[in-house]
């Protein structure tokens, strides 16, 4: 993606029209571009008012605030210019066209500014992923977890693990080079064995934490029960809009309806399902019922609207006593939550209960959350460390420690492939 000789530019703020549009230029020719537009290079790291002109016609394009950042101490590790323009579409388009006429300058690709920051040592892969998560965060819990990752908390932990592996590797090399191969177990032998076990346990504890995907995709809350038990009506009450069709006709809901919402800063995915019954002759309804069973198995939290204690065995089941506003209402035991979607009774309490349950399934709000890529490499490192205790051969132990170090290097990007980088930085928009 990145060619070192290239200078790239892109709009880094939101799409115009807007009050201000921020244009970023990064690369070896960034200052030359600014001189060509404004006729001068303002003092570094100070906002300066400049008239930007077309290099070809000398027509004034805009009066802009300009910031100059000499590399390598910049966001990308390169010379960087920010043009704070008036945010009209015509202004942005005119400045973009003027910049594009400079030699060795091109429009940035998606994520290219952040990729250059990684390539120039301004951040590692974990911090880059944290930035991507921060940009896409929609809930408070997502924002806080992303801030921890972007702030380098996880990377600091990985670096601590890596330094410990390097220490254990040095001890192992000492055994290979200087061991007398006697019958008495050396002090190094004990230090290496205990060190591998302790580090493997630390990584295992981290792997046991809730995954980042729960934060991003939302906790799946499934409403289930027989036909006409009030699932669709309750769903509409919980999400505050008419998301599902409500009817007294059994079998109205034939497929799953998913509605994402945020409650108390937590992302939830409410799922309405087809009513469960065994006597349906409708082939389409039967497909919906099969999908309902599958949804219940995948649910993080299950709201059961059927007869009490007849729902599936689920660790996070909440018994719902629905329709408490109708004359023939049959209450469940006091442990069930009584609600009425028509009057709103119990809806707030149910949302609070669901949010409380959901928070127990998420990483703590002051802790980072690791994603699938990170979990894969952490598991590789843990497995390699565990293998060290399964052999007394120092050569095999040294190789396992090398594999553990390589897995940790892959986490931060010290060891990587272009395909991996394309995947990580492809998540960003143009301008980041």
Protein backbone atom coordinates (compact mmCIF):
# COMPACT_ATOMS: atom_id res chain seq x y z
CA UNK A 1 0.00 0.00 0.00
CA UNK A 2 2.59 2.56 1.13
CA UNK A 3 5.45 3.71 -1.06
CA UNK A 4 8.05 5.61 1.02
CA UNK A 5 8.56 8.27 -1.68
CA UNK A 6 4.84 9.02 -1.88
CA UNK A 7 3.21 11.98 -0.21
CA UNK A 8 -0.45 11.34 0.54
CA UNK A 9 -3.40 13.59 1.32
CA UNK A 10 -7.02 13.15 2.34
CA UNK A 11 -9.89 14.84 4.11
CA UNK A 12 -9.68 13.69 7.74
CA UNK A 13 -12.85 15.30 9.08
CA UNK A 14 -16.44 14.46 8.24
CA UNK A 15 -17.92 14.78 4.78
CA UNK A 16 -18.78 18.35 3.78
CA UNK A 17 -20.64 20.58 4.12
CA UNK A 18 -19.42 21.41 7.61
CA UNK A 19 -18.12 24.39 9.56
CA UNK A 20 -14.51 23.19 9.18
CA UNK A 21 -12.86 20.63 6.94
CA UNK A 22 -9.44 19.27 7.95
CA UNK A 23 -7.14 18.20 5.12
CA UNK A 24 -4.05 16.17 6.06
CA UNK A 25 -0.90 15.90 3.95
CA UNK A 26 1.81 13.45 5.01
CA UNK A 27 5.13 12.54 3.44
CA UNK A 28 8.44 13.97 2.23
CA UNK A 29 6.82 16.55 -0.06
CA UNK A 30 4.22 17.79 2.46
CA UNK A 31 6.05 21.05 3.17
CA UNK A 32 6.68 21.65 -0.54
CA UNK A 33 2.96 21.31 -1.17
CA UNK A 34 2.21 23.89 1.51
CA UNK A 35 4.80 26.30 0.08
CA UNK A 36 3.21 25.86 -3.34
CA UNK A 37 -0.25 26.63 -1.97
CA UNK A 38 0.56 29.46 0.44
CA UNK A 39 3.95 30.77 -0.68
CA UNK A 40 5.52 30.18 2.72
CA UNK A 41 6.14 27.64 5.48
CA UNK A 42 4.69 28.85 8.81
CA UNK A 43 6.44 28.14 12.14
CA UNK A 44 5.99 24.53 13.27
CA UNK A 45 3.25 23.50 15.68
CA UNK A 46 1.54 26.90 15.67
CA UNK A 47 -1.74 27.74 13.98
CA UNK A 48 -1.12 30.26 11.20
CA UNK A 49 -3.59 32.00 8.90
CA UNK A 50 -2.66 31.47 5.25
CA UNK A 51 -4.19 32.31 1.89
CA UNK A 52 -4.22 29.16 -0.21
CA UNK A 53 -3.88 29.73 -3.95
CA UNK A 54 -4.02 27.55 -7.02
CA UNK A 55 -0.42 26.83 -8.12
CA UNK A 56 -1.52 27.19 -11.75
CA UNK A 57 -3.74 30.30 -11.77
CA UNK A 58 -2.85 31.91 -8.41
CA UNK A 59 -6.58 32.15 -7.73
CA UNK A 60 -7.39 32.24 -4.02
CA UNK A 61 -8.95 28.94 -2.98
CA UNK A 62 -9.52 29.65 0.72
CA UNK A 63 -8.31 31.43 3.85
CA UNK A 64 -7.25 28.59 6.11
CA UNK A 65 -5.60 27.89 9.45
CA UNK A 66 -2.46 25.86 8.78
CA UNK A 67 -0.49 23.62 11.14
CA UNK A 68 2.98 22.30 10.31
CA UNK A 69 4.40 19.23 12.10
CA UNK A 70 8.00 18.26 11.27
CA UNK A 71 8.68 14.51 11.43
CA UNK A 72 9.39 12.14 13.01
CA UNK A 73 7.49 13.37 16.08
CA UNK A 74 4.10 13.41 14.33
CA UNK A 75 1.03 11.21 14.09
CA UNK A 76 2.45 9.40 11.05
CA UNK A 77 6.15 9.71 11.84
CA UNK A 78 6.58 11.86 8.70
CA UNK A 79 6.40 15.55 7.87
CA UNK A 80 2.72 16.39 8.29
CA UNK A 81 0.56 19.38 7.32
CA UNK A 82 -3.01 20.08 8.40
CA UNK A 83 -5.16 22.56 6.49
CA UNK A 84 -8.21 23.71 8.47
CA UNK A 85 -10.46 24.85 5.65
CA UNK A 86 -13.94 26.30 5.43
CA UNK A 87 -16.09 23.20 5.13
CA UNK A 88 -18.04 23.82 1.94
CA UNK A 89 -17.98 21.16 -0.76
CA UNK A 90 -16.58 23.50 -3.42
CA UNK A 91 -13.74 24.68 -1.17
CA UNK A 92 -12.74 21.12 -0.26
CA UNK A 93 -12.91 19.97 -3.87
CA UNK A 94 -10.84 22.93 -5.12
CA UNK A 95 -8.08 22.37 -2.53
CA UNK A 96 -8.01 18.62 -3.20
CA UNK A 97 -7.63 19.24 -6.93
CA UNK A 98 -4.82 21.73 -6.32
CA UNK A 99 -2.90 19.32 -4.09
CA UNK A 100 -3.32 16.47 -6.57
CA UNK A 101 -1.42 18.45 -9.24
CA UNK A 102 1.85 18.36 -7.28
CA UNK A 103 4.31 15.65 -8.40
CA UNK A 104 4.70 12.52 -6.22
CA UNK A 105 1.53 13.41 -4.34
CA UNK A 106 -1.55 11.20 -4.41
CA UNK A 107 -4.80 10.63 -2.58
CA UNK A 108 -4.50 8.39 0.48
CA UNK A 109 -6.03 4.93 0.58
CA UNK A 110 -8.21 3.70 3.45
CA UNK A 111 -6.19 3.49 6.67
CA UNK A 112 -2.98 4.68 5.07
CA UNK A 113 -2.21 7.42 7.58
CA UNK A 114 -2.50 4.92 10.45
CA UNK A 115 -0.52 2.32 8.51
CA UNK A 116 2.32 4.81 8.12
CA UNK A 117 2.15 5.48 11.86
CA UNK A 118 2.61 1.74 12.41
CA UNK A 119 5.41 1.45 9.84
CA UNK A 120 7.27 4.37 11.45
CA UNK A 121 6.92 3.02 15.00
CA UNK A 122 4.33 5.53 16.22
CA UNK A 123 1.95 2.75 17.26
CA UNK A 124 1.74 -1.04 17.14
CA UNK A 125 -1.00 -3.23 15.70
CA UNK A 126 -2.93 -3.43 18.96
CA UNK A 127 -3.01 0.35 19.32
CA UNK A 128 -4.07 0.66 15.67
CA UNK A 129 -6.95 -1.75 16.27
CA UNK A 130 -7.87 0.21 19.38
CA UNK A 131 -8.03 3.37 17.28
CA UNK A 132 -10.30 1.64 14.75
CA UNK A 133 -12.57 0.50 17.58
CA UNK A 134 -12.59 4.00 19.07
CA UNK A 135 -13.65 5.51 15.75
CA UNK A 136 -16.52 3.03 15.43
CA UNK A 137 -17.58 3.05 19.10
CA UNK A 138 -21.31 3.60 19.60
CA UNK A 139 -21.67 2.85 23.31
CA UNK A 140 -19.86 4.02 26.43
CA UNK A 141 -18.47 0.54 27.16
CA UNK A 142 -17.13 0.27 23.60
CA UNK A 143 -15.48 3.70 23.93
CA UNK A 144 -13.82 2.90 27.25
CA UNK A 145 -12.48 -0.47 26.12
CA UNK A 146 -11.19 1.04 22.86
CA UNK A 147 -9.48 3.85 24.79
CA UNK A 148 -7.63 1.29 26.91
CA UNK A 149 -6.44 -0.59 23.81
CA UNK A 150 -5.53 2.58 21.88
CA UNK A 151 -3.76 3.95 24.96
CA UNK A 152 -1.32 1.04 24.92
CA UNK A 153 -2.40 -0.78 28.08
CA UNK A 154 -2.64 -4.14 26.32
CA UNK A 155 0.57 -3.52 24.37
CA UNK A 156 2.40 -2.79 27.63
CA UNK A 157 1.20 -6.13 29.02
CA UNK A 158 2.35 -7.95 25.87
CA UNK A 159 5.75 -6.26 26.08
CA UNK A 160 6.04 -7.41 29.69
CA UNK A 161 5.30 -10.99 28.56
CA UNK A 162 7.83 -10.67 25.75
CA UNK A 163 10.59 -9.46 28.07
CA UNK A 164 9.93 -12.42 30.37
CA UNK A 165 10.17 -14.83 27.44
CA UNK A 166 13.46 -13.21 26.42
CA UNK A 167 14.76 -13.66 29.97
CA UNK A 168 13.72 -17.32 29.99
CA UNK A 169 15.30 -17.80 26.56
CA UNK A 170 18.60 -16.36 27.83
CA UNK A 171 18.56 -18.77 30.76
CA UNK A 172 17.85 -21.65 28.40
CA UNK A 173 20.73 -20.69 26.13
CA UNK A 174 22.98 -20.64 29.21
CA UNK A 175 21.92 -24.21 29.99
CA UNK A 176 22.66 -25.24 26.40
CA UNK A 177 26.09 -23.62 26.44
CA UNK A 178 27.38 -24.18 29.97
CA UNK A 179 25.42 -27.01 31.62
CA UNK A 180 27.61 -29.80 33.05
CA UNK A 181 24.73 -32.21 32.36
CA UNK A 182 24.98 -33.49 35.92
CA UNK A 183 22.35 -35.31 37.97
CA UNK A 184 21.55 -32.33 40.18
CA UNK A 185 18.88 -29.99 38.85
CA UNK A 186 20.36 -26.53 38.37
CA UNK A 187 18.91 -23.29 39.69
CA UNK A 188 18.35 -22.17 36.10
CA UNK A 189 16.30 -25.29 35.48
CA UNK A 190 13.92 -24.34 38.29
CA UNK A 191 13.74 -20.69 37.23
CA UNK A 192 12.88 -21.63 33.64
CA UNK A 193 10.26 -24.21 34.60
CA UNK A 194 8.54 -21.93 37.12
CA UNK A 195 8.81 -18.89 34.87
CA UNK A 196 7.13 -20.66 31.93
CA UNK A 197 4.32 -21.93 34.17
CA UNK A 198 3.64 -18.52 35.75
CA UNK A 199 3.62 -16.71 32.41
CA UNK A 200 1.40 -19.35 30.84
CA UNK A 201 -1.10 -18.89 33.70
CA UNK A 202 -1.12 -15.11 33.22
CA UNK A 203 -1.92 -15.47 29.54
CA UNK A 204 -4.56 -18.13 30.27
CA UNK A 205 -6.31 -15.74 32.65
CA UNK A 206 -6.36 -13.10 29.92
CA UNK A 207 -7.78 -15.60 27.43
CA UNK A 208 -10.56 -16.44 29.88
CA UNK A 209 -11.84 -12.83 29.84
CA UNK A 210 -14.92 -11.94 27.75
CA UNK A 211 -14.06 -11.33 24.08
CA UNK A 212 -14.13 -7.96 22.36
CA UNK A 213 -16.73 -9.23 19.90
CA UNK A 214 -19.36 -9.10 22.65
CA UNK A 215 -18.68 -5.39 22.98
CA UNK A 216 -18.88 -4.75 19.24
CA UNK A 217 -21.72 -7.04 18.17
CA UNK A 218 -23.79 -6.61 21.32
CA UNK A 219 -25.09 -9.07 23.89
CA UNK A 220 -27.69 -11.25 22.16
CA UNK A 221 -31.00 -11.10 24.07
CA UNK A 222 -33.52 -13.60 22.67
CA UNK A 223 -37.26 -13.46 23.38
CA UNK A 224 -38.78 -16.95 23.20
CA UNK A 225 -41.99 -18.74 24.06
CA UNK A 226 -45.14 -20.23 22.48
CA UNK A 227 -47.33 -18.37 19.97
CA UNK A 228 -49.31 -15.39 21.33
CA UNK A 229 -47.21 -15.17 24.49
CA UNK A 230 -46.49 -11.49 23.80
CA UNK A 231 -42.94 -11.70 22.43
CA UNK A 232 -43.36 -9.23 19.56
CA UNK A 233 -45.31 -6.74 21.67
CA UNK A 234 -42.67 -6.94 24.38
CA UNK A 235 -39.87 -6.47 21.84
CA UNK A 236 -41.51 -3.28 20.58
CA UNK A 237 -41.84 -1.99 24.13
CA UNK A 238 -38.21 -2.77 24.95
CA UNK A 239 -36.78 -1.05 21.87
CA UNK A 240 -39.25 1.83 21.89
CA UNK A 241 -40.60 1.43 18.36
CA UNK A 242 -42.74 -0.81 16.17
CA UNK A 243 -40.00 -3.17 15.08
CA UNK A 244 -42.10 -6.33 14.94
CA UNK A 245 -45.57 -7.00 13.53
CA UNK A 246 -48.08 -7.71 16.30
CA UNK A 247 -51.12 -9.93 15.69
CA UNK A 248 -53.38 -12.34 17.57
CA UNK A 249 -52.97 -14.83 14.74
CA UNK A 250 -50.69 -17.68 15.81
CA UNK A 251 -47.58 -17.98 13.65
CA UNK A 252 -47.43 -14.30 12.62
CA UNK A 253 -43.70 -14.16 13.42
CA UNK A 254 -42.07 -16.67 11.10
CA UNK A 255 -38.48 -15.48 11.10
CA UNK A 256 -36.15 -13.81 13.56
CA UNK A 257 -36.30 -10.02 13.94
CA UNK A 258 -33.12 -8.44 15.29
CA UNK A 259 -33.04 -4.93 16.74
CA UNK A 260 -29.80 -3.40 18.10
CA UNK A 261 -30.13 -0.93 20.98
CA UNK A 262 -27.92 0.52 23.70
CA UNK A 263 -29.04 0.33 27.34
CA UNK A 264 -26.96 1.91 30.11
CA UNK A 265 -24.03 2.21 27.71
CA UNK A 266 -24.16 -1.48 26.74
CA UNK A 267 -24.84 -2.72 23.21
CA UNK A 268 -27.70 -5.23 23.10
CA UNK A 269 -29.17 -7.16 20.18
CA UNK A 270 -32.79 -8.03 20.92
CA UNK A 271 -34.09 -10.95 18.86
CA UNK A 272 -37.76 -11.81 18.43
CA UNK A 273 -38.37 -15.43 17.43
CA UNK A 274 -41.18 -17.50 15.97
CA UNK A 275 -43.61 -18.98 18.51
CA UNK A 276 -42.65 -22.49 19.62
CA UNK A 277 -45.21 -25.22 18.99
CA UNK A 278 -45.17 -28.82 17.76
CA UNK A 279 -48.47 -28.94 15.83
CA UNK A 280 -47.73 -26.59 12.92
CA UNK A 281 -48.39 -27.97 9.43
CA UNK A 282 -46.98 -24.84 7.76
CA UNK A 283 -43.55 -25.61 6.24
CA UNK A 284 -42.44 -21.97 6.44
CA UNK A 285 -43.47 -21.68 10.08
CA UNK A 286 -41.58 -24.90 10.85
CA UNK A 287 -38.42 -23.34 9.45
CA UNK A 288 -39.00 -20.32 11.71
CA UNK A 289 -39.45 -22.60 14.73
CA UNK A 290 -36.19 -24.41 13.94
CA UNK A 291 -34.45 -21.06 13.76
CA UNK A 292 -35.99 -20.13 17.11
CA UNK A 293 -34.40 -23.18 18.72
CA UNK A 294 -31.04 -22.28 17.17
CA UNK A 295 -31.36 -18.67 18.41
CA UNK A 296 -32.08 -19.86 21.95
CA UNK A 297 -28.91 -21.94 21.92
CA UNK A 298 -26.87 -18.94 20.78
CA UNK A 299 -28.50 -16.48 23.19
CA UNK A 300 -26.40 -14.71 25.78
CA UNK A 301 -29.57 -13.85 27.72
CA UNK A 302 -32.91 -15.61 27.21
CA UNK A 303 -36.24 -13.96 28.02
CA UNK A 304 -38.69 -16.84 28.45
CA UNK A 305 -42.38 -15.96 28.02
CA UNK A 306 -43.72 -19.52 28.09
CA UNK A 307 -45.06 -21.46 31.09
CA UNK A 308 -42.72 -21.31 34.03
CA UNK A 309 -39.83 -23.80 34.12
CA UNK A 310 -40.63 -25.09 30.63
CA UNK A 311 -37.93 -23.12 28.85
CA UNK A 312 -34.55 -24.51 27.82
CA UNK A 313 -31.73 -25.02 30.29
CA UNK A 314 -29.86 -21.71 30.03
CA UNK A 315 -27.46 -20.05 32.46
CA UNK A 316 -28.92 -16.59 31.80
CA UNK A 317 -32.66 -17.27 31.51
CA UNK A 318 -35.10 -14.65 32.81
CA UNK A 319 -38.66 -15.84 33.43
CA UNK A 320 -41.13 -13.25 32.15
CA UNK A 321 -44.72 -13.11 33.35
CA UNK A 322 -46.20 -11.10 30.48
CA UNK A 323 -49.58 -9.49 29.78
CA UNK A 324 -50.29 -8.65 33.43
CA UNK A 325 -52.87 -6.11 32.23
CA UNK A 326 -55.36 -8.65 30.79
CA UNK A 327 -58.24 -10.14 32.86
CA UNK A 328 -57.19 -13.79 32.55
CA UNK A 329 -53.56 -13.05 33.35
CA UNK A 330 -51.79 -16.01 34.99
CA UNK A 331 -48.89 -14.95 37.14
CA UNK A 332 -45.72 -16.96 37.52
CA UNK A 333 -43.88 -17.34 40.81
CA UNK A 334 -42.57 -14.23 42.58
CA UNK A 335 -39.10 -14.84 41.13
CA UNK A 336 -40.42 -14.11 37.61
CA UNK A 337 -40.59 -10.55 36.34
CA UNK A 338 -44.15 -9.34 35.76
CA UNK A 339 -44.53 -6.95 32.80
CA UNK A 340 -47.13 -5.38 30.56
CA UNK A 341 -46.03 -4.11 27.18
CA UNK A 342 -49.38 -2.28 26.83
CA UNK A 343 -49.18 -0.25 30.06
CA UNK A 344 -45.39 -0.21 30.38
CA UNK A 345 -45.47 -1.89 33.79
CA UNK A 346 -42.18 -3.63 34.50
CA UNK A 347 -40.50 -2.63 31.23
CA UNK A 348 -37.97 -0.32 32.88
CA UNK A 349 -37.18 -2.96 35.52
CA UNK A 350 -36.69 -5.58 32.79
CA UNK A 351 -34.30 -3.33 30.86
CA UNK A 352 -32.31 -2.68 34.02
CA UNK A 353 -32.14 -6.42 34.77
CA UNK A 354 -31.05 -7.24 31.22
CA UNK A 355 -28.37 -4.53 31.33
CA UNK A 356 -27.11 -5.79 34.69
CA UNK A 357 -26.88 -9.36 33.36
CA UNK A 358 -25.19 -8.12 30.17
CA UNK A 359 -22.50 -6.27 32.12
CA UNK A 360 -21.45 -9.53 33.78
CA UNK A 361 -20.79 -10.97 30.31
CA UNK A 362 -18.56 -8.08 29.20
CA UNK A 363 -15.02 -7.04 30.13
CA UNK A 364 -14.95 -4.54 33.01
CA UNK A 365 -15.33 -0.96 31.72
CA UNK A 366 -11.81 -0.03 32.85
CA UNK A 367 -10.18 -2.97 31.05
CA UNK A 368 -9.22 -3.63 27.44
CA UNK A 369 -10.96 -6.39 25.49
CA UNK A 370 -9.03 -8.69 23.16
CA UNK A 371 -10.32 -9.63 19.73
CA UNK A 372 -10.14 -12.87 17.73
CA UNK A 373 -6.76 -12.03 16.14
CA UNK A 374 -5.21 -11.22 19.49
CA UNK A 375 -6.69 -14.32 21.13
CA UNK A 376 -5.20 -16.54 18.43
CA UNK A 377 -1.65 -15.32 19.02
CA UNK A 378 -2.04 -15.30 22.81
CA UNK A 379 -3.23 -18.91 22.65
CA UNK A 380 -0.22 -19.81 20.50
CA UNK A 381 2.10 -18.24 23.07
CA UNK A 382 0.35 -20.00 25.97
CA UNK A 383 0.53 -23.37 24.20
CA UNK A 384 4.23 -22.93 23.48
CA UNK A 385 4.91 -22.06 27.13
CA UNK A 386 2.89 -25.05 28.33
CA UNK A 387 4.91 -27.32 26.04
CA UNK A 388 8.10 -26.23 27.84
CA UNK A 389 7.06 -28.21 30.91
CA UNK A 390 6.46 -31.37 28.89
CA UNK A 391 10.10 -31.99 28.01
CA UNK A 392 13.54 -31.95 29.57
CA UNK A 393 15.30 -31.40 26.24
CA UNK A 394 16.82 -27.91 26.29
CA UNK A 395 16.76 -27.65 22.51
CA UNK A 396 13.02 -28.28 22.45
CA UNK A 397 12.47 -25.83 25.32
CA UNK A 398 14.47 -23.18 23.44
CA UNK A 399 12.37 -23.75 20.31
CA UNK A 400 9.11 -23.49 22.28
CA UNK A 401 10.26 -20.22 23.79
CA UNK A 402 11.13 -18.97 20.33
CA UNK A 403 7.61 -19.87 19.17
CA UNK A 404 6.14 -18.03 22.17
CA UNK A 405 8.22 -14.94 21.36
CA UNK A 406 7.17 -15.08 17.70
CA UNK A 407 3.49 -15.25 18.70
CA UNK A 408 3.90 -12.21 20.96
CA UNK A 409 5.76 -10.36 18.18
CA UNK A 410 2.86 -11.12 15.85
CA UNK A 411 0.52 -9.49 18.36
CA UNK A 412 2.29 -6.15 18.20
CA UNK A 413 3.31 -6.36 14.55
CA UNK A 414 7.02 -7.01 14.98
CA UNK A 415 6.34 -10.16 12.95
CA UNK A 416 3.62 -9.76 10.36
CA UNK A 417 2.46 -10.43 6.81
CA UNK A 418 1.15 -7.94 4.29
CA UNK A 419 -2.21 -9.77 4.23
CA UNK A 420 -2.53 -9.27 7.98
CA UNK A 421 -1.74 -5.57 7.69
CA UNK A 422 -4.22 -5.17 4.83
CA UNK A 423 -6.90 -6.73 7.03
CA UNK A 424 -6.17 -4.53 10.05
CA UNK A 425 -5.81 -1.19 8.26
CA UNK A 426 -8.58 -1.90 5.77
CA UNK A 427 -11.03 -1.23 8.63
CA UNK A 428 -10.19 2.48 8.58
CA UNK A 429 -11.80 5.18 6.49
CA UNK A 430 -9.84 7.35 4.06
CA UNK A 431 -8.19 10.11 6.11
CA UNK A 432 -7.22 7.82 8.99
